[in-house]
Structures are given as C-alpha cells and as structure tokens.
All heavy atoms as atom14 arrays in JSON, in Angstrom:
{
  "sequence": "IDFSKAFDLVPHDRLLTKLAASGVDSTVVVWVREFLVGRTKRVRVRGQ",
  "atom14_mask": [
    [1, 1, 1, 1, 1, 1, 1, 1, 0, 0, 0, 0, 0, 0],
    [1, 1, 1, 1, 1, 1, 1, 1, 0, 0, 0, 0, 0, 0],
    [1, 1, 1, 1, 1, 1, 1, 1, 1, 1, 1, 0, 0, 0],
    [1, 1, 1, 1, 1, 1, 0, 0, 0, 0, 0, 0, 0, 0],
    [1, 1, 1, 1, 1, 1, 1, 1, 1, 0, 0, 0, 0, 0],
    [1, 1, 1, 1, 1, 0, 0, 0, 0, 0, 0, 0, 0, 0],
    [1, 1, 1, 1, 1, 1, 1, 1, 1, 1, 1, 0, 0, 0],
    [1, 1, 1, 1, 1, 1, 1, 1, 0, 0, 0, 0, 0, 0],
    [1, 1, 1, 1, 1, 1, 1, 1, 0, 0, 0, 0, 0, 0],
    [1, 1, 1, 1, 1, 1, 1, 0, 0, 0, 0, 0, 0, 0],
    [1, 1, 1, 1, 1, 1, 1, 0, 0, 0, 0, 0, 0, 0],
    [1, 1, 1, 1, 1, 1, 1, 1, 1, 1, 0, 0, 0, 0],
    [1, 1, 1, 1, 1, 1, 1, 1, 0, 0, 0, 0, 0, 0],
    [1, 1, 1, 1, 1, 1, 1, 1, 1, 1, 1, 0, 0, 0],
    [1, 1, 1, 1, 1, 1, 1, 1, 0, 0, 0, 0, 0, 0],
    [1, 1, 1, 1, 1, 1, 1, 1, 0, 0, 0, 0, 0, 0],
    [1, 1, 1, 1, 1, 1, 1, 0, 0, 0, 0, 0, 0, 0],
    [1, 1, 1, 1, 1, 1, 1, 1, 1, 0, 0, 0, 0, 0],
    [1, 1, 1, 1, 1, 1, 1, 1, 0, 0, 0, 0, 0, 0],
    [1, 1, 1, 1, 1, 0, 0, 0, 0, 0, 0, 0, 0, 0],
    [1, 1, 1, 1, 1, 0, 0, 0, 0, 0, 0, 0, 0, 0],
    [1, 1, 1, 1, 1, 1, 0, 0, 0, 0, 0, 0, 0, 0],
    [1, 1, 1, 1, 0, 0, 0, 0, 0, 0, 0, 0, 0, 0],
    [1, 1, 1, 1, 1, 1, 1, 0, 0, 0, 0, 0, 0, 0],
    [1, 1, 1, 1, 1, 1, 1, 1, 0, 0, 0, 0, 0, 0],
    [1, 1, 1, 1, 1, 1, 0, 0, 0, 0, 0, 0, 0, 0],
    [1, 1, 1, 1, 1, 1, 1, 0, 0, 0, 0, 0, 0, 0],
    [1, 1, 1, 1, 1, 1, 1, 0, 0, 0, 0, 0, 0, 0],
    [1, 1, 1, 1, 1, 1, 1, 0, 0, 0, 0, 0, 0, 0],
    [1, 1, 1, 1, 1, 1, 1, 0, 0, 0, 0, 0, 0, 0],
    [1, 1, 1, 1, 1, 1, 1, 1, 1, 1, 1, 1, 1, 1],
    [1, 1, 1, 1, 1, 1, 1, 0, 0, 0, 0, 0, 0, 0],
    [1, 1, 1, 1, 1, 1, 1, 1, 1, 1, 1, 0, 0, 0],
    [1, 1, 1, 1, 1, 1, 1, 1, 1, 0, 0, 0, 0, 0],
    [1, 1, 1, 1, 1, 1, 1, 1, 1, 1, 1, 0, 0, 0],
    [1, 1, 1, 1, 1, 1, 1, 1, 0, 0, 0, 0, 0, 0],
    [1, 1, 1, 1, 1, 1, 1, 0, 0, 0, 0, 0, 0, 0],
    [1, 1, 1, 1, 0, 0, 0, 0, 0, 0, 0, 0, 0, 0],
    [1, 1, 1, 1, 1, 1, 1, 1, 1, 1, 1, 0, 0, 0],
    [1, 1, 1, 1, 1, 1, 1, 0, 0, 0, 0, 0, 0, 0],
    [1, 1, 1, 1, 1, 1, 1, 1, 1, 0, 0, 0, 0, 0],
    [1, 1, 1, 1, 1, 1, 1, 1, 1, 1, 1, 0, 0, 0],
    [1, 1, 1, 1, 1, 1, 1, 0, 0, 0, 0, 0, 0, 0],
    [1, 1, 1, 1, 1, 1, 1, 1, 1, 1, 1, 0, 0, 0],
    [1, 1, 1, 1, 1, 1, 1, 0, 0, 0, 0, 0, 0, 0],
    [1, 1, 1, 1, 1, 1, 1, 1, 1, 1, 1, 0, 0, 0],
    [1, 1, 1, 1, 0, 0, 0, 0, 0, 0, 0, 0, 0, 0],
    [1, 1, 1, 1, 1, 1, 1, 1, 1, 0, 0, 0, 0, 0]
  ],
  "atom14_positions": [
    [[7.3, -14.17, 16.23], [6.81, -13.17, 15.29], [6.31, -13.85, 14.03], [7.02, -14.65, 13.45], [7.9, -12.16, 14.96], [8.42, -11.51, 16.25], [7.38, -11.1, 13.99], [9.67, -10.66, 16.06], [0.0, 0.0, 0.0], [0.0, 0.0, 0.0], [0.0, 0.0, 0.0], [0.0, 0.0, 0.0], [0.0, 0.0, 0.0], [0.0, 0.0, 0.0]],
    [[5.13, -13.54, 13.63], [4.53, -14.1, 12.42], [4.72, -13.12, 11.27], [4.12, -12.08, 11.22], [3.04, -14.36, 12.65], [2.35, -14.95, 11.46], [3.01, -15.21, 10.42], [1.12, -15.13, 11.51], [0.0, 0.0, 0.0], [0.0, 0.0, 0.0], [0.0, 0.0, 0.0], [0.0, 0.0, 0.0], [0.0, 0.0, 0.0], [0.0, 0.0, 0.0]],
    [[5.57, -13.49, 10.34], [5.87, -12.65, 9.17], [5.1, -13.14, 7.95], [5.39, -12.7, 6.82], [7.35, -12.65, 8.83], [8.19, -11.86, 9.81], [9.02, -12.46, 10.71], [8.1, -10.48, 9.82], [9.79, -11.72, 11.59], [8.88, -9.75, 10.68], [9.72, -10.36, 11.59], [0.0, 0.0, 0.0], [0.0, 0.0, 0.0], [0.0, 0.0, 0.0]],
    [[4.1, -13.97, 8.13], [3.42, -14.6, 6.97], [2.74, -13.55, 6.06], [2.61, -13.81, 4.88], [2.41, -15.63, 7.45], [1.41, -15.05, 8.23], [0.0, 0.0, 0.0], [0.0, 0.0, 0.0], [0.0, 0.0, 0.0], [0.0, 0.0, 0.0], [0.0, 0.0, 0.0], [0.0, 0.0, 0.0], [0.0, 0.0, 0.0], [0.0, 0.0, 0.0]],
    [[2.33, -12.45, 6.57], [1.67, -11.41, 5.73], [2.54, -10.16, 5.61], [2.04, -9.09, 5.25], [0.3, -11.03, 6.33], [-0.68, -12.17, 6.36], [-1.16, -12.48, 4.98], [-2.21, -13.59, 5.05], [-2.55, -14.08, 3.74], [0.0, 0.0, 0.0], [0.0, 0.0, 0.0], [0.0, 0.0, 0.0], [0.0, 0.0, 0.0], [0.0, 0.0, 0.0]],
    [[3.81, -10.3, 5.93], [4.68, -9.11, 5.94], [4.69, -8.37, 4.61], [4.65, -7.13, 4.6], [6.1, -9.53, 6.31], [0.0, 0.0, 0.0], [0.0, 0.0, 0.0], [0.0, 0.0, 0.0], [0.0, 0.0, 0.0], [0.0, 0.0, 0.0], [0.0, 0.0, 0.0], [0.0, 0.0, 0.0], [0.0, 0.0, 0.0], [0.0, 0.0, 0.0]],
    [[4.73, -9.07, 3.52], [4.77, -8.39, 2.23], [3.52, -7.61, 1.94], [3.52, -6.64, 1.19], [5.02, -9.41, 1.11], [6.44, -9.86, 0.99], [6.9, -10.91, 1.76], [7.29, -9.23, 0.11], [8.21, -11.32, 1.67], [8.63, -9.64, 0.02], [9.09, -10.68, 0.8], [0.0, 0.0, 0.0], [0.0, 0.0, 0.0], [0.0, 0.0, 0.0]],
    [[2.4, -8.01, 2.55], [1.12, -7.34, 2.31], [0.82, -6.17, 3.27], [0.04, -5.31, 2.94], [-0.05, -8.34, 2.43], [0.07, -9.47, 1.42], [0.56, -9.21, 0.3], [-0.34, -10.61, 1.76], [0.0, 0.0, 0.0], [0.0, 0.0, 0.0], [0.0, 0.0, 0.0], [0.0, 0.0, 0.0], [0.0, 0.0, 0.0], [0.0, 0.0, 0.0]],
    [[1.4, -6.19, 4.44], [0.97, -5.29, 5.49], [1.9, -4.12, 5.84], [1.55, -3.31, 6.66], [0.7, -6.12, 6.76], [-0.38, -7.18, 6.62], [-0.52, -7.99, 7.89], [-1.72, -6.55, 6.26], [0.0, 0.0, 0.0], [0.0, 0.0, 0.0], [0.0, 0.0, 0.0], [0.0, 0.0, 0.0], [0.0, 0.0, 0.0], [0.0, 0.0, 0.0]],
    [[3.08, -4.04, 5.24], [3.97, -2.96, 5.56], [3.4, -1.65, 5.04], [3.23, -1.47, 3.84], [5.36, -3.21, 4.91], [6.26, -2.0, 5.1], [6.0, -4.46, 5.48], [0.0, 0.0, 0.0], [0.0, 0.0, 0.0], [0.0, 0.0, 0.0], [0.0, 0.0, 0.0], [0.0, 0.0, 0.0], [0.0, 0.0, 0.0], [0.0, 0.0, 0.0]],
    [[3.09, -0.68, 5.99], [2.57, 0.61, 5.53], [3.66, 1.43, 4.83], [4.77, 1.59, 5.38], [2.13, 1.28, 6.82], [2.57, 0.44, 7.95], [3.19, -0.81, 7.42], [0.0, 0.0, 0.0], [0.0, 0.0, 0.0], [0.0, 0.0, 0.0], [0.0, 0.0, 0.0], [0.0, 0.0, 0.0], [0.0, 0.0, 0.0], [0.0, 0.0, 0.0]],
    [[3.37, 1.94, 3.66], [4.38, 2.65, 2.88], [4.94, 3.85, 3.62], [6.16, 4.08, 3.61], [3.75, 3.13, 1.55], [3.41, 2.04, 0.64], [2.55, 2.19, -0.42], [3.76, 0.69, 0.61], [2.42, 1.06, -1.07], [3.1, 0.12, -0.44], [0.0, 0.0, 0.0], [0.0, 0.0, 0.0], [0.0, 0.0, 0.0], [0.0, 0.0, 0.0]],
    [[4.09, 4.64, 4.28], [4.57, 5.84, 4.94], [5.58, 5.53, 6.04], [6.62, 6.15, 6.15], [3.44, 6.69, 5.46], [2.46, 5.97, 6.37], [2.52, 4.7, 6.41], [1.63, 6.63, 7.0], [0.0, 0.0, 0.0], [0.0, 0.0, 0.0], [0.0, 0.0, 0.0], [0.0, 0.0, 0.0], [0.0, 0.0, 0.0], [0.0, 0.0, 0.0]],
    [[5.28, 4.52, 6.87], [6.21, 4.15, 7.94], [7.49, 3.55, 7.38], [8.57, 3.81, 7.89], [5.54, 3.17, 8.91], [4.41, 3.89, 9.69], [3.81, 3.03, 10.77], [4.79, 2.65, 11.75], [4.65, 1.62, 12.57], [3.57, 0.87, 12.5], [5.57, 1.34, 13.46], [0.0, 0.0, 0.0], [0.0, 0.0, 0.0], [0.0, 0.0, 0.0]],
    [[7.39, 2.74, 6.32], [8.58, 2.16, 5.72], [9.48, 3.26, 5.19], [10.71, 3.25, 5.41], [8.16, 1.21, 4.58], [9.3, 0.69, 3.72], [10.31, -0.12, 4.56], [8.77, -0.17, 2.59], [0.0, 0.0, 0.0], [0.0, 0.0, 0.0], [0.0, 0.0, 0.0], [0.0, 0.0, 0.0], [0.0, 0.0, 0.0], [0.0, 0.0, 0.0]],
    [[8.92, 4.24, 4.48], [9.72, 5.32, 3.92], [10.37, 6.16, 5.03], [11.51, 6.58, 4.89], [8.89, 6.18, 2.98], [8.45, 5.46, 1.71], [7.38, 6.26, 0.97], [9.64, 5.19, 0.79], [0.0, 0.0, 0.0], [0.0, 0.0, 0.0], [0.0, 0.0, 0.0], [0.0, 0.0, 0.0], [0.0, 0.0, 0.0], [0.0, 0.0, 0.0]],
    [[9.63, 6.37, 6.13], [10.2, 7.1, 7.27], [11.37, 6.34, 7.84], [12.43, 6.93, 8.13], [9.12, 7.33, 8.34], [8.05, 8.1, 7.78], [9.69, 8.04, 9.56], [0.0, 0.0, 0.0], [0.0, 0.0, 0.0], [0.0, 0.0, 0.0], [0.0, 0.0, 0.0], [0.0, 0.0, 0.0], [0.0, 0.0, 0.0], [0.0, 0.0, 0.0]],
    [[11.23, 5.05, 8.02], [12.33, 4.23, 8.57], [13.51, 4.21, 7.61], [14.67, 4.27, 8.05], [11.85, 2.8, 8.85], [10.99, 2.7, 10.06], [10.62, 1.27, 10.36], [9.86, 1.14, 11.66], [9.78, -0.26, 12.11], [0.0, 0.0, 0.0], [0.0, 0.0, 0.0], [0.0, 0.0, 0.0], [0.0, 0.0, 0.0], [0.0, 0.0, 0.0]],
    [[13.24, 4.13, 6.33], [14.31, 4.1, 5.35], [15.08, 5.4, 5.39], [16.34, 5.39, 5.42], [13.73, 3.87, 3.94], [14.74, 3.69, 2.81], [15.61, 2.48, 3.05], [13.99, 3.57, 1.48], [0.0, 0.0, 0.0], [0.0, 0.0, 0.0], [0.0, 0.0, 0.0], [0.0, 0.0, 0.0], [0.0, 0.0, 0.0], [0.0, 0.0, 0.0]],
    [[14.4, 6.54, 5.46], [15.05, 7.83, 5.53], [15.87, 7.96, 6.82], [17.0, 8.47, 6.79], [14.03, 8.96, 5.44], [0.0, 0.0, 0.0], [0.0, 0.0, 0.0], [0.0, 0.0, 0.0], [0.0, 0.0, 0.0], [0.0, 0.0, 0.0], [0.0, 0.0, 0.0], [0.0, 0.0, 0.0], [0.0, 0.0, 0.0], [0.0, 0.0, 0.0]],
    [[15.32, 7.45, 7.92], [16.01, 7.54, 9.21], [17.22, 6.62, 9.28], [18.09, 6.82, 10.12], [15.03, 7.22, 10.36], [0.0, 0.0, 0.0], [0.0, 0.0, 0.0], [0.0, 0.0, 0.0], [0.0, 0.0, 0.0], [0.0, 0.0, 0.0], [0.0, 0.0, 0.0], [0.0, 0.0, 0.0], [0.0, 0.0, 0.0], [0.0, 0.0, 0.0]],
    [[17.29, 5.65, 8.41], [18.38, 4.69, 8.46], [19.69, 5.29, 7.91], [20.74, 4.68, 8.02], [18.04, 3.41, 7.7], [18.03, 3.66, 6.3], [0.0, 0.0, 0.0], [0.0, 0.0, 0.0], [0.0, 0.0, 0.0], [0.0, 0.0, 0.0], [0.0, 0.0, 0.0], [0.0, 0.0, 0.0], [0.0, 0.0, 0.0], [0.0, 0.0, 0.0]],
    [[19.57, 6.43, 7.25], [20.75, 7.1, 6.75], [21.06, 6.86, 5.29], [22.09, 7.32, 4.81], [0.0, 0.0, 0.0], [0.0, 0.0, 0.0], [0.0, 0.0, 0.0], [0.0, 0.0, 0.0], [0.0, 0.0, 0.0], [0.0, 0.0, 0.0], [0.0, 0.0, 0.0], [0.0, 0.0, 0.0], [0.0, 0.0, 0.0], [0.0, 0.0, 0.0]],
    [[20.21, 6.16, 4.57], [20.44, 5.99, 3.15], [20.27, 7.33, 2.44], [19.57, 8.23, 2.91], [19.53, 4.93, 2.5], [19.74, 3.57, 3.15], [18.09, 5.32, 2.53], [0.0, 0.0, 0.0], [0.0, 0.0, 0.0], [0.0, 0.0, 0.0], [0.0, 0.0, 0.0], [0.0, 0.0, 0.0], [0.0, 0.0, 0.0], [0.0, 0.0, 0.0]],
    [[20.91, 7.43, 1.32], [20.86, 8.66, 0.51], [19.41, 9.02, 0.18], [18.61, 8.15, -0.11], [21.69, 8.48, -0.75], [21.86, 9.76, -1.51], [20.99, 10.06, -2.36], [22.87, 10.47, -1.26], [0.0, 0.0, 0.0], [0.0, 0.0, 0.0], [0.0, 0.0, 0.0], [0.0, 0.0, 0.0], [0.0, 0.0, 0.0], [0.0, 0.0, 0.0]],
    [[19.1, 10.29, 0.19], [17.72, 10.74, -0.05], [17.24, 10.36, -1.45], [16.05, 10.16, -1.66], [17.6, 12.24, 0.17], [18.4, 12.95, -0.72], [0.0, 0.0, 0.0], [0.0, 0.0, 0.0], [0.0, 0.0, 0.0], [0.0, 0.0, 0.0], [0.0, 0.0, 0.0], [0.0, 0.0, 0.0], [0.0, 0.0, 0.0], [0.0, 0.0, 0.0]],
    [[18.13, 10.27, -2.39], [17.72, 9.86, -3.75], [17.23, 8.43, -3.76], [16.33, 8.08, -4.53], [18.85, 10.03, -4.79], [20.0, 9.28, -4.36], [19.23, 11.48, -4.97], [0.0, 0.0, 0.0], [0.0, 0.0, 0.0], [0.0, 0.0, 0.0], [0.0, 0.0, 0.0], [0.0, 0.0, 0.0], [0.0, 0.0, 0.0], [0.0, 0.0, 0.0]],
    [[17.79, 7.6, -2.91], [17.32, 6.2, -2.78], [15.91, 6.19, -2.19], [15.05, 5.43, -2.64], [18.3, 5.35, -1.93], [17.72, 3.94, -1.68], [19.65, 5.25, -2.6], [0.0, 0.0, 0.0], [0.0, 0.0, 0.0], [0.0, 0.0, 0.0], [0.0, 0.0, 0.0], [0.0, 0.0, 0.0], [0.0, 0.0, 0.0], [0.0, 0.0, 0.0]],
    [[15.7, 7.02, -1.17], [14.37, 7.09, -0.54], [13.33, 7.54, -1.58], [12.24, 6.96, -1.69], [14.36, 8.03, 0.66], [12.95, 8.19, 1.25], [15.34, 7.56, 1.72], [0.0, 0.0, 0.0], [0.0, 0.0, 0.0], [0.0, 0.0, 0.0], [0.0, 0.0, 0.0], [0.0, 0.0, 0.0], [0.0, 0.0, 0.0], [0.0, 0.0, 0.0]],
    [[13.66, 8.54, -2.4], [12.76, 9.01, -3.44], [12.5, 7.89, -4.45], [11.38, 7.67, -4.89], [13.34, 10.27, -4.14], [12.54, 10.62, -5.38], [13.35, 11.44, -3.15], [0.0, 0.0, 0.0], [0.0, 0.0, 0.0], [0.0, 0.0, 0.0], [0.0, 0.0, 0.0], [0.0, 0.0, 0.0], [0.0, 0.0, 0.0], [0.0, 0.0, 0.0]],
    [[13.53, 7.18, -4.83], [13.38, 6.08, -5.79], [12.48, 5.0, -5.24], [11.56, 4.54, -5.96], [14.76, 5.49, -6.15], [14.69, 4.43, -7.18], [14.62, 4.61, -8.52], [14.68, 3.04, -6.95], [14.54, 3.39, -9.13], [14.6, 2.4, -8.22], [14.75, 2.22, -5.8], [14.56, 1.02, -8.34], [14.71, 0.83, -5.96], [14.63, 0.27, -7.21]],
    [[12.63, 4.62, -3.97], [11.79, 3.61, -3.34], [10.36, 4.12, -3.23], [9.39, 3.39, -3.49], [12.34, 3.18, -1.95], [11.33, 2.32, -1.21], [13.65, 2.46, -2.12], [0.0, 0.0, 0.0], [0.0, 0.0, 0.0], [0.0, 0.0, 0.0], [0.0, 0.0, 0.0], [0.0, 0.0, 0.0], [0.0, 0.0, 0.0], [0.0, 0.0, 0.0]],
    [[10.21, 5.41, -2.92], [8.86, 5.99, -2.86], [8.19, 5.88, -4.21], [7.02, 5.49, -4.3], [8.96, 7.46, -2.44], [7.59, 8.13, -2.31], [7.71, 9.62, -2.0], [6.39, 10.21, -1.89], [5.58, 10.46, -2.89], [5.93, 10.16, -4.11], [4.4, 11.0, -2.69], [0.0, 0.0, 0.0], [0.0, 0.0, 0.0], [0.0, 0.0, 0.0]],
    [[8.9, 6.2, -5.29], [8.32, 6.1, -6.63], [7.97, 4.64, -6.96], [7.02, 4.37, -7.7], [9.29, 6.69, -7.66], [9.49, 8.17, -7.55], [8.18, 8.94, -7.73], [7.41, 8.59, -8.67], [7.95, 9.9, -6.97], [0.0, 0.0, 0.0], [0.0, 0.0, 0.0], [0.0, 0.0, 0.0], [0.0, 0.0, 0.0], [0.0, 0.0, 0.0]],
    [[8.77, 3.72, -6.44], [8.53, 2.3, -6.66], [7.25, 1.82, -5.97], [6.53, 0.98, -6.51], [9.75, 1.51, -6.14], [9.65, 0.0, -6.25], [9.66, -0.62, -7.47], [9.55, -0.76, -5.11], [9.57, -2.0, -7.58], [9.46, -2.15, -5.19], [9.49, -2.79, -6.43], [0.0, 0.0, 0.0], [0.0, 0.0, 0.0], [0.0, 0.0, 0.0]],
    [[6.96, 2.35, -4.82], [5.84, 1.9, -4.0], [4.55, 2.7, -4.17], [3.47, 2.14, -4.26], [6.2, 1.94, -2.49], [7.28, 1.0, -2.02], [7.58, 1.27, -0.54], [6.88, -0.45, -2.24], [0.0, 0.0, 0.0], [0.0, 0.0, 0.0], [0.0, 0.0, 0.0], [0.0, 0.0, 0.0], [0.0, 0.0, 0.0], [0.0, 0.0, 0.0]],
    [[4.65, 4.01, -4.19], [3.5, 4.87, -4.14], [2.83, 4.96, -5.5], [3.5, 5.04, -6.54], [3.87, 6.28, -3.6], [2.72, 7.22, -3.63], [4.43, 6.14, -2.18], [0.0, 0.0, 0.0], [0.0, 0.0, 0.0], [0.0, 0.0, 0.0], [0.0, 0.0, 0.0], [0.0, 0.0, 0.0], [0.0, 0.0, 0.0], [0.0, 0.0, 0.0]],
    [[1.5, 4.97, -5.49], [0.76, 5.14, -6.71], [0.35, 3.8, -7.36], [-0.28, 3.78, -8.41], [0.0, 0.0, 0.0], [0.0, 0.0, 0.0], [0.0, 0.0, 0.0], [0.0, 0.0, 0.0], [0.0, 0.0, 0.0], [0.0, 0.0, 0.0], [0.0, 0.0, 0.0], [0.0, 0.0, 0.0], [0.0, 0.0, 0.0], [0.0, 0.0, 0.0]],
    [[0.7, 2.72, -6.73], [0.29, 1.41, -7.26], [-1.19, 1.19, -7.03], [-1.77, 1.68, -6.05], [1.08, 0.28, -6.6], [2.53, 0.24, -6.97], [3.25, -0.93, -6.27], [4.61, -1.05, -6.73], [5.0, -1.82, -7.75], [4.1, -2.59, -8.37], [6.26, -1.9, -8.1], [0.0, 0.0, 0.0], [0.0, 0.0, 0.0], [0.0, 0.0, 0.0]],
    [[-1.79, 0.45, -7.93], [-3.2, 0.1, -7.8], [-3.35, -1.41, -8.04], [-2.45, -2.06, -8.55], [-4.07, 0.87, -8.82], [-3.66, 0.53, -10.13], [-4.02, 2.36, -8.58], [0.0, 0.0, 0.0], [0.0, 0.0, 0.0], [0.0, 0.0, 0.0], [0.0, 0.0, 0.0], [0.0, 0.0, 0.0], [0.0, 0.0, 0.0], [0.0, 0.0, 0.0]],
    [[-4.51, -1.9, -7.68], [-4.81, -3.32, -7.96], [-6.27, -3.45, -8.3], [-7.1, -2.59, -7.95], [-4.45, -4.22, -6.79], [-5.26, -4.02, -5.52], [-4.81, -4.97, -4.43], [-5.51, -4.64, -3.14], [-5.06, -5.52, -2.06], [0.0, 0.0, 0.0], [0.0, 0.0, 0.0], [0.0, 0.0, 0.0], [0.0, 0.0, 0.0], [0.0, 0.0, 0.0]],
    [[-6.61, -4.53, -9.01], [-7.98, -4.87, -9.3], [-8.05, -6.39, -9.37], [-7.04, -7.05, -9.56], [-8.49, -4.28, -10.6], [-7.54, -3.56, -11.41], [-7.98, -2.77, -12.54], [-8.87, -3.3, -13.54], [-9.29, -2.62, -14.56], [-8.94, -1.37, -14.71], [-10.11, -3.13, -15.45], [0.0, 0.0, 0.0], [0.0, 0.0, 0.0], [0.0, 0.0, 0.0]],
    [[-9.22, -6.91, -9.19], [-9.38, -8.36, -9.24], [-10.43, -8.7, -10.28], [-11.32, -7.91, -10.59], [-9.76, -8.96, -7.86], [-8.67, -8.73, -6.84], [-11.1, -8.37, -7.37], [0.0, 0.0, 0.0], [0.0, 0.0, 0.0], [0.0, 0.0, 0.0], [0.0, 0.0, 0.0], [0.0, 0.0, 0.0], [0.0, 0.0, 0.0], [0.0, 0.0, 0.0]],
    [[-10.36, -9.92, -10.78], [-11.33, -10.41, -11.73], [-12.12, -11.54, -11.07], [-11.54, -12.5, -10.57], [-10.65, -10.94, -12.99], [-11.61, -11.4, -14.07], [-10.86, -11.93, -15.29], [-9.88, -10.99, -15.8], [-10.11, -10.03, -16.72], [-11.31, -9.86, -17.19], [-9.14, -9.26, -17.13], [0.0, 0.0, 0.0], [0.0, 0.0, 0.0], [0.0, 0.0, 0.0]],
    [[-13.43, -11.38, -11.02], [-14.3, -12.4, -10.46], [-15.35, -12.74, -11.51], [-16.1, -11.86, -11.97], [-15.01, -11.91, -9.16], [-15.95, -12.97, -8.61], [-13.97, -11.52, -8.11], [0.0, 0.0, 0.0], [0.0, 0.0, 0.0], [0.0, 0.0, 0.0], [0.0, 0.0, 0.0], [0.0, 0.0, 0.0], [0.0, 0.0, 0.0], [0.0, 0.0, 0.0]],
    [[-15.38, -14.0, -11.88], [-16.31, -14.47, -12.93], [-16.29, -13.58, -14.17], [-17.34, -13.23, -14.71], [-17.74, -14.58, -12.38], [-17.86, -15.59, -11.27], [-19.32, -15.75, -10.85], [-19.37, -16.48, -9.58], [-20.1, -16.19, -8.56], [-20.91, -15.14, -8.62], [-20.09, -16.91, -7.48], [0.0, 0.0, 0.0], [0.0, 0.0, 0.0], [0.0, 0.0, 0.0]],
    [[-15.09, -13.25, -14.57], [-14.95, -12.46, -15.79], [-15.15, -10.96, -15.64], [-14.89, -10.19, -16.56], [0.0, 0.0, 0.0], [0.0, 0.0, 0.0], [0.0, 0.0, 0.0], [0.0, 0.0, 0.0], [0.0, 0.0, 0.0], [0.0, 0.0, 0.0], [0.0, 0.0, 0.0], [0.0, 0.0, 0.0], [0.0, 0.0, 0.0], [0.0, 0.0, 0.0]],
    [[-15.61, -10.51, -14.47], [-15.84, -9.09, -14.22], [-14.64, -8.5, -13.49], [-14.2, -9.03, -12.47], [-17.12, -8.89, -13.39], [-18.38, -9.35, -14.08], [-18.68, -8.5, -15.29], [-18.54, -7.28, -15.28], [-19.09, -9.17, -16.37], [0.0, 0.0, 0.0], [0.0, 0.0, 0.0], [0.0, 0.0, 0.0], [0.0, 0.0, 0.0], [0.0, 0.0, 0.0]]
  ]
}
C-alpha cells in the first residue's frame, strides 16, 4: 500500500462517516468536521 499521498487524498466526507461509525462521541465528530471543512488554498506563481 502506497501511503505517500495519504495526507492529500483522504476525502473529508468518507473520513467523517468512518469517524462517526467508529463510535467516538458525536461532539468529537463535529469538532473534526469544523477542523476540516471550509478550508481553502491558493498558490503564488511569479508573484501572482
């Protein structure tokens, strides 16, 4: 198994579903959702 891109490729929806199914408290699932969902990114190329 190649985990080299694991940090980049984990889909948030499936991760949250698995986390909820694992039996952790729902407040933890909500907290993790808030940690992951709504993030954005941008890149700078030649100053732009």
